[in-house]
N, C-alpha and C. Protein backbone atom coordinates (compact mmCIF):
# COMPACT_ATOMS: atom_id res chain seq x y z
N MET A 1 105.05 98.76 123.34
CA MET A 1 106.31 98.07 123.13
C MET A 1 106.42 97.64 121.67
N PHE A 2 107.60 97.75 121.12
CA PHE A 2 107.84 97.37 119.73
C PHE A 2 108.97 96.35 119.70
N GLU A 3 108.80 95.34 118.85
CA GLU A 3 109.80 94.28 118.76
C GLU A 3 109.95 93.85 117.30
N VAL A 4 111.18 93.61 116.90
CA VAL A 4 111.47 93.11 115.55
C VAL A 4 112.12 91.75 115.71
N LEU A 5 111.51 90.73 115.12
CA LEU A 5 112.05 89.37 115.19
C LEU A 5 112.38 88.90 113.77
N ALA A 6 113.62 88.56 113.55
CA ALA A 6 114.05 88.10 112.22
C ALA A 6 114.53 86.66 112.32
N ALA A 7 114.12 85.86 111.37
CA ALA A 7 114.57 84.47 111.30
C ALA A 7 115.74 84.38 110.33
N GLU A 8 116.43 83.28 110.36
CA GLU A 8 117.49 83.03 109.37
C GLU A 8 116.83 82.79 108.02
N PRO A 9 117.49 83.19 106.93
CA PRO A 9 116.92 82.94 105.60
C PRO A 9 116.74 81.44 105.36
N THR A 10 115.68 81.10 104.63
CA THR A 10 115.44 79.72 104.27
C THR A 10 116.38 79.34 103.12
N SER A 11 116.34 78.09 102.72
CA SER A 11 117.22 77.62 101.64
C SER A 11 116.95 78.33 100.32
N ASP A 12 115.72 78.85 100.12
CA ASP A 12 115.41 79.57 98.89
C ASP A 12 115.69 81.07 99.01
N GLY A 13 116.25 81.51 100.14
CA GLY A 13 116.61 82.91 100.31
C GLY A 13 115.53 83.80 100.88
N THR A 14 114.45 83.21 101.38
CA THR A 14 113.37 83.99 101.98
C THR A 14 113.73 84.34 103.42
N LEU A 15 113.60 85.60 103.76
CA LEU A 15 113.87 86.07 105.11
C LEU A 15 112.61 86.72 105.65
N VAL A 16 112.08 86.18 106.74
CA VAL A 16 110.86 86.70 107.35
C VAL A 16 111.25 87.56 108.56
N VAL A 17 110.74 88.79 108.56
CA VAL A 17 110.95 89.71 109.67
C VAL A 17 109.56 90.02 110.24
N ARG A 18 109.37 89.71 111.51
CA ARG A 18 108.08 89.92 112.16
C ARG A 18 108.14 91.18 113.01
N LEU A 19 107.13 92.06 112.85
CA LEU A 19 107.04 93.27 113.64
C LEU A 19 105.89 93.11 114.62
N HIS A 20 106.17 93.38 115.89
CA HIS A 20 105.17 93.26 116.95
C HIS A 20 105.02 94.61 117.64
N GLY A 21 103.79 94.96 117.99
CA GLY A 21 103.56 96.16 118.79
C GLY A 21 103.21 97.37 117.96
N GLU A 22 103.83 98.51 118.31
CA GLU A 22 103.50 99.78 117.70
C GLU A 22 104.71 100.37 117.00
N LEU A 23 104.57 100.65 115.70
CA LEU A 23 105.65 101.25 114.92
C LEU A 23 105.31 102.72 114.72
N ASP A 24 106.02 103.57 115.48
CA ASP A 24 105.80 105.01 115.40
C ASP A 24 107.15 105.71 115.36
N LEU A 25 107.12 107.03 115.44
CA LEU A 25 108.34 107.83 115.34
C LEU A 25 109.38 107.41 116.38
N GLN A 26 108.94 107.11 117.56
CA GLN A 26 109.87 106.73 118.63
C GLN A 26 110.50 105.36 118.38
N GLN A 27 109.78 104.45 117.75
CA GLN A 27 110.27 103.08 117.54
C GLN A 27 110.95 102.89 116.19
N GLU A 28 110.78 103.82 115.26
CA GLU A 28 111.33 103.68 113.92
C GLU A 28 112.83 103.35 113.91
N PRO A 29 113.66 103.98 114.75
CA PRO A 29 115.09 103.63 114.74
C PRO A 29 115.37 102.16 115.05
N LEU A 30 114.53 101.54 115.86
CA LEU A 30 114.71 100.11 116.16
C LEU A 30 114.52 99.26 114.91
N LEU A 31 113.58 99.66 114.07
CA LEU A 31 113.36 98.93 112.81
C LEU A 31 114.59 99.06 111.92
N TRP A 32 115.14 100.27 111.81
CA TRP A 32 116.31 100.48 110.94
C TRP A 32 117.52 99.69 111.43
N VAL A 33 117.72 99.64 112.73
CA VAL A 33 118.85 98.86 113.28
C VAL A 33 118.68 97.39 112.90
N ALA A 34 117.46 96.88 113.03
CA ALA A 34 117.19 95.47 112.71
C ALA A 34 117.37 95.21 111.21
N LEU A 35 116.86 96.10 110.37
CA LEU A 35 116.94 95.88 108.93
C LEU A 35 118.37 96.03 108.42
N ASP A 36 119.15 96.92 109.03
CA ASP A 36 120.54 97.09 108.60
C ASP A 36 121.39 95.86 108.88
N GLY A 37 121.01 95.09 109.88
CA GLY A 37 121.81 93.93 110.24
C GLY A 37 121.32 92.61 109.66
N LEU A 38 120.45 92.66 108.66
CA LEU A 38 119.90 91.43 108.11
C LEU A 38 120.92 90.67 107.28
N PRO A 39 120.87 89.35 107.33
CA PRO A 39 121.74 88.56 106.46
C PRO A 39 121.27 88.64 105.01
N GLU A 40 122.11 88.17 104.08
CA GLU A 40 121.75 88.16 102.66
C GLU A 40 120.45 87.39 102.46
N HIS A 41 119.64 87.87 101.53
CA HIS A 41 118.36 87.22 101.25
C HIS A 41 117.92 87.61 99.84
N ALA A 42 117.03 86.79 99.28
CA ALA A 42 116.47 87.08 97.96
C ALA A 42 115.10 87.72 98.08
N LEU A 43 114.35 87.34 99.12
CA LEU A 43 113.00 87.84 99.34
C LEU A 43 112.87 88.27 100.79
N LEU A 44 112.52 89.52 101.00
CA LEU A 44 112.27 90.03 102.34
C LEU A 44 110.77 90.01 102.57
N VAL A 45 110.33 89.29 103.59
CA VAL A 45 108.92 89.24 103.96
C VAL A 45 108.76 89.97 105.28
N LEU A 46 108.02 91.08 105.25
CA LEU A 46 107.71 91.81 106.48
C LEU A 46 106.33 91.36 106.95
N ASP A 47 106.31 90.68 108.07
CA ASP A 47 105.07 90.15 108.64
C ASP A 47 104.52 91.16 109.64
N LEU A 48 103.44 91.83 109.28
CA LEU A 48 102.84 92.87 110.11
C LEU A 48 101.59 92.37 110.84
N ARG A 49 101.38 91.07 110.86
CA ARG A 49 100.14 90.55 111.44
C ARG A 49 100.00 90.87 112.92
N ARG A 50 101.10 91.09 113.63
CA ARG A 50 101.02 91.40 115.06
C ARG A 50 101.37 92.86 115.34
N LEU A 51 101.39 93.66 114.27
CA LEU A 51 101.61 95.10 114.42
C LEU A 51 100.27 95.71 114.82
N GLU A 52 100.25 96.36 115.98
CA GLU A 52 99.00 96.91 116.51
C GLU A 52 98.72 98.33 116.04
N PHE A 53 99.79 99.06 115.71
CA PHE A 53 99.62 100.47 115.33
C PHE A 53 100.78 100.86 114.43
N ILE A 54 100.50 101.72 113.46
CA ILE A 54 101.54 102.28 112.61
C ILE A 54 101.17 103.71 112.29
N ASP A 55 102.13 104.63 112.47
CA ASP A 55 101.87 106.02 112.13
C ASP A 55 102.63 106.36 110.84
N SER A 56 102.62 107.63 110.46
CA SER A 56 103.22 108.02 109.19
C SER A 56 104.73 107.76 109.15
N SER A 57 105.41 107.88 110.27
CA SER A 57 106.85 107.59 110.27
C SER A 57 107.09 106.10 110.08
N GLY A 58 106.21 105.27 110.59
CA GLY A 58 106.32 103.83 110.37
C GLY A 58 106.07 103.47 108.92
N VAL A 59 105.08 104.12 108.31
CA VAL A 59 104.79 103.90 106.89
C VAL A 59 105.99 104.32 106.06
N ARG A 60 106.56 105.46 106.39
CA ARG A 60 107.75 105.95 105.68
C ARG A 60 108.89 104.95 105.79
N ALA A 61 109.10 104.39 106.97
CA ALA A 61 110.17 103.41 107.17
C ALA A 61 109.93 102.17 106.31
N LEU A 62 108.70 101.70 106.24
CA LEU A 62 108.40 100.52 105.42
C LEU A 62 108.59 100.83 103.94
N PHE A 63 108.19 102.03 103.52
CA PHE A 63 108.36 102.43 102.14
C PHE A 63 109.85 102.51 101.78
N LEU A 64 110.65 103.12 102.64
CA LEU A 64 112.08 103.23 102.38
C LEU A 64 112.76 101.86 102.39
N ALA A 65 112.30 100.97 103.26
CA ALA A 65 112.84 99.60 103.28
C ALA A 65 112.54 98.91 101.95
N GLN A 66 111.35 99.15 101.41
CA GLN A 66 111.01 98.56 100.11
C GLN A 66 111.90 99.12 99.02
N GLU A 67 112.14 100.43 99.05
CA GLU A 67 113.00 101.04 98.04
C GLU A 67 114.42 100.47 98.10
N GLN A 68 114.96 100.33 99.29
CA GLN A 68 116.31 99.79 99.46
C GLN A 68 116.37 98.33 98.99
N THR A 69 115.35 97.57 99.29
CA THR A 69 115.30 96.18 98.89
C THR A 69 115.26 96.08 97.37
N ALA A 70 114.42 96.89 96.73
CA ALA A 70 114.33 96.89 95.27
C ALA A 70 115.63 97.35 94.63
N ALA A 71 116.27 98.36 95.21
CA ALA A 71 117.53 98.87 94.67
C ALA A 71 118.63 97.80 94.72
N ALA A 72 118.52 96.90 95.68
CA ALA A 72 119.48 95.81 95.81
C ALA A 72 119.11 94.62 94.92
N GLY A 73 118.02 94.75 94.16
CA GLY A 73 117.60 93.67 93.26
C GLY A 73 116.90 92.53 93.97
N ARG A 74 116.32 92.81 95.12
CA ARG A 74 115.64 91.78 95.89
C ARG A 74 114.13 92.03 95.89
N ASP A 75 113.38 90.98 96.16
CA ASP A 75 111.92 91.10 96.23
C ASP A 75 111.49 91.45 97.65
N TYR A 76 110.27 91.98 97.76
CA TYR A 76 109.73 92.51 99.02
C TYR A 76 108.27 92.12 99.10
N LEU A 77 107.86 91.60 100.23
CA LEU A 77 106.48 91.15 100.43
C LEU A 77 106.03 91.61 101.81
N VAL A 78 104.82 92.12 101.90
CA VAL A 78 104.25 92.55 103.18
C VAL A 78 103.06 91.66 103.49
N VAL A 79 103.04 91.14 104.71
CA VAL A 79 101.93 90.30 105.17
C VAL A 79 101.17 91.08 106.23
N THR A 80 99.90 91.35 105.96
CA THR A 80 99.06 92.04 106.93
C THR A 80 97.62 91.54 106.75
N PRO A 81 96.92 91.30 107.85
CA PRO A 81 95.55 90.77 107.73
C PRO A 81 94.63 91.74 107.00
N LEU A 82 93.64 91.18 106.33
CA LEU A 82 92.69 92.00 105.57
C LEU A 82 92.00 93.03 106.44
N ALA A 83 91.71 92.69 107.68
CA ALA A 83 90.98 93.59 108.57
C ALA A 83 91.91 94.39 109.47
N GLY A 84 93.21 94.30 109.26
CA GLY A 84 94.15 94.98 110.14
C GLY A 84 94.31 96.46 109.83
N SER A 85 94.74 97.21 110.85
CA SER A 85 94.92 98.65 110.66
C SER A 85 96.05 98.96 109.69
N ALA A 86 97.11 98.15 109.69
CA ALA A 86 98.21 98.37 108.75
C ALA A 86 97.71 98.20 107.32
N ARG A 87 96.86 97.21 107.07
CA ARG A 87 96.31 96.99 105.72
C ARG A 87 95.51 98.21 105.28
N ARG A 88 94.73 98.75 106.20
CA ARG A 88 93.91 99.92 105.87
C ARG A 88 94.80 101.10 105.48
N VAL A 89 95.90 101.29 106.21
CA VAL A 89 96.84 102.36 105.88
C VAL A 89 97.42 102.14 104.49
N PHE A 90 97.81 100.90 104.18
CA PHE A 90 98.36 100.59 102.86
C PHE A 90 97.34 100.90 101.77
N GLU A 91 96.06 100.58 102.00
CA GLU A 91 95.02 100.83 101.00
C GLU A 91 94.77 102.32 100.82
N ILE A 92 94.67 103.06 101.93
CA ILE A 92 94.40 104.50 101.85
C ILE A 92 95.50 105.21 101.07
N LEU A 93 96.75 104.85 101.34
CA LEU A 93 97.89 105.50 100.70
C LEU A 93 98.27 104.87 99.37
N ASP A 94 97.52 103.86 98.95
CA ASP A 94 97.77 103.19 97.68
C ASP A 94 99.15 102.54 97.64
N LEU A 95 99.63 102.10 98.80
CA LEU A 95 100.96 101.50 98.88
C LEU A 95 101.00 100.08 98.34
N ASP A 96 99.84 99.48 98.10
CA ASP A 96 99.86 98.14 97.51
C ASP A 96 100.30 98.20 96.05
N ARG A 97 100.43 99.41 95.50
CA ARG A 97 101.03 99.55 94.16
C ARG A 97 102.55 99.45 94.24
N VAL A 98 103.11 99.76 95.39
CA VAL A 98 104.55 99.80 95.58
C VAL A 98 105.08 98.46 96.09
N ALA A 99 104.33 97.82 96.95
CA ALA A 99 104.76 96.56 97.55
C ALA A 99 103.68 95.51 97.36
N TRP A 100 104.10 94.26 97.24
CA TRP A 100 103.16 93.16 97.15
C TRP A 100 102.62 92.92 98.55
N VAL A 101 101.32 93.06 98.76
CA VAL A 101 100.69 92.93 100.07
C VAL A 101 99.76 91.73 100.04
N VAL A 102 99.96 90.82 101.00
CA VAL A 102 99.13 89.61 101.10
C VAL A 102 98.62 89.48 102.53
N ASP A 103 97.63 88.62 102.73
CA ASP A 103 97.07 88.47 104.07
C ASP A 103 97.58 87.27 104.85
N THR A 104 98.28 86.35 104.21
CA THR A 104 98.85 85.21 104.91
C THR A 104 100.31 85.04 104.54
N LEU A 105 101.05 84.44 105.42
CA LEU A 105 102.47 84.22 105.19
C LEU A 105 102.65 83.07 104.21
N PRO A 106 103.39 83.30 103.12
CA PRO A 106 103.61 82.22 102.16
C PRO A 106 104.47 81.14 102.78
N HIS A 107 104.30 79.92 102.32
CA HIS A 107 105.08 78.80 102.87
C HIS A 107 106.54 78.91 102.46
N ALA A 108 106.80 79.18 101.23
CA ALA A 108 108.17 79.31 100.74
C ALA A 108 108.10 79.72 99.28
N GLY A 109 109.23 80.01 98.72
CA GLY A 109 109.30 80.31 97.30
C GLY A 109 109.40 81.79 97.05
N PRO A 110 109.59 82.15 95.80
CA PRO A 110 109.77 83.56 95.45
C PRO A 110 108.47 84.33 95.55
N ALA A 111 108.60 85.63 95.45
CA ALA A 111 107.41 86.49 95.46
C ALA A 111 106.51 86.10 94.30
N PRO A 112 105.22 86.29 94.44
CA PRO A 112 104.30 85.93 93.36
C PRO A 112 104.72 86.57 92.04
N ALA A 113 104.57 85.85 90.96
CA ALA A 113 105.01 86.31 89.64
C ALA A 113 104.23 87.53 89.18
N ARG A 114 103.02 87.71 89.66
CA ARG A 114 102.21 88.84 89.22
C ARG A 114 102.45 90.08 90.05
N ARG A 115 103.54 90.11 90.76
CA ARG A 115 103.85 91.25 91.60
C ARG A 115 103.88 92.52 90.75
N ARG A 116 103.29 93.57 91.24
CA ARG A 116 103.26 94.84 90.50
C ARG A 116 104.64 95.47 90.52
N ALA A 117 104.95 96.15 89.47
CA ALA A 117 106.21 96.89 89.42
C ALA A 117 106.17 97.99 90.46
N ALA A 118 107.30 98.22 91.08
CA ALA A 118 107.38 99.26 92.10
C ALA A 118 107.16 100.62 91.46
N ALA A 119 106.28 101.39 92.07
CA ALA A 119 106.03 102.74 91.57
C ALA A 119 107.15 103.65 92.06
N PRO A 120 107.56 104.60 91.24
CA PRO A 120 108.59 105.55 91.68
C PRO A 120 108.11 106.34 92.88
N ALA A 121 109.06 106.86 93.64
CA ALA A 121 108.72 107.63 94.84
C ALA A 121 107.81 108.80 94.50
N ALA A 122 108.00 109.41 93.35
CA ALA A 122 107.15 110.54 92.96
C ALA A 122 105.69 110.12 92.84
N ASP A 123 105.44 108.91 92.31
CA ASP A 123 104.06 108.42 92.22
C ASP A 123 103.46 108.24 93.61
N TRP A 124 104.28 107.72 94.53
CA TRP A 124 103.81 107.50 95.90
C TRP A 124 103.49 108.84 96.54
N SER A 125 104.35 109.82 96.31
CA SER A 125 104.13 111.15 96.87
C SER A 125 102.85 111.76 96.31
N ARG A 126 102.61 111.58 95.00
CA ARG A 126 101.37 112.10 94.41
C ARG A 126 100.16 111.40 95.01
N SER A 127 100.30 110.12 95.31
CA SER A 127 99.21 109.39 95.93
C SER A 127 98.88 109.98 97.29
N LEU A 128 99.90 110.34 98.05
CA LEU A 128 99.68 110.97 99.35
C LEU A 128 98.96 112.30 99.18
N GLN A 129 99.39 113.07 98.18
CA GLN A 129 98.78 114.37 97.95
C GLN A 129 97.32 114.24 97.54
N ARG A 130 97.00 113.21 96.74
CA ARG A 130 95.59 112.98 96.34
C ARG A 130 94.73 112.72 97.57
N GLU A 131 95.32 112.08 98.56
CA GLU A 131 94.57 111.77 99.78
C GLU A 131 94.53 112.94 100.75
N GLY A 132 95.14 114.07 100.36
CA GLY A 132 95.11 115.24 101.21
C GLY A 132 96.27 115.35 102.19
N HIS A 133 97.30 114.51 102.00
CA HIS A 133 98.48 114.54 102.86
C HIS A 133 99.57 115.36 102.19
N PRO A 134 100.33 116.12 102.98
CA PRO A 134 101.45 116.86 102.36
C PRO A 134 102.47 115.90 101.79
N GLY A 135 103.05 116.20 100.65
CA GLY A 135 104.01 115.34 99.98
C GLY A 135 105.38 115.70 100.31
C-alpha cells in the first residue's frame, strides 16, 4: 500500500509531504496526483522515513519532482534515515548531489545554506551510467 500525506504549509512556507509504503511503477501516478495539487510553498520537504521500498520509477519520480521544484525557484529537501533503503538508493545513484538529503525532519526554516547546487539532468544520467544502469 502506498500513501501520500501532505500538511498545510507552515508560516515560513515549508510544506512537508510524507510518503508511506512502497513507491513503484504502479504507485508512481498517485505521487504525481498528490504533488500536482500542492499549495504554494517555498520549501518542499519529502519525508521518506516510512517509505518501505522504492524502485527505479519511484526514484525517477522523486528526481523529476526535484527538477520541477527547482524550476519554480523553490527549495527541495529529502528526509530519509541513514540506514534506510531509500537512503542507500540515493547514495548509489549519487542523488545527494541533486537534492539535499538529511536523516531527520527539520523543525522549521529554509533549506540549509550549504545545500549543493542541483546537478543538471545530464550529470545525473552519467552517474547512472557509471553505476552500470542504462541512461
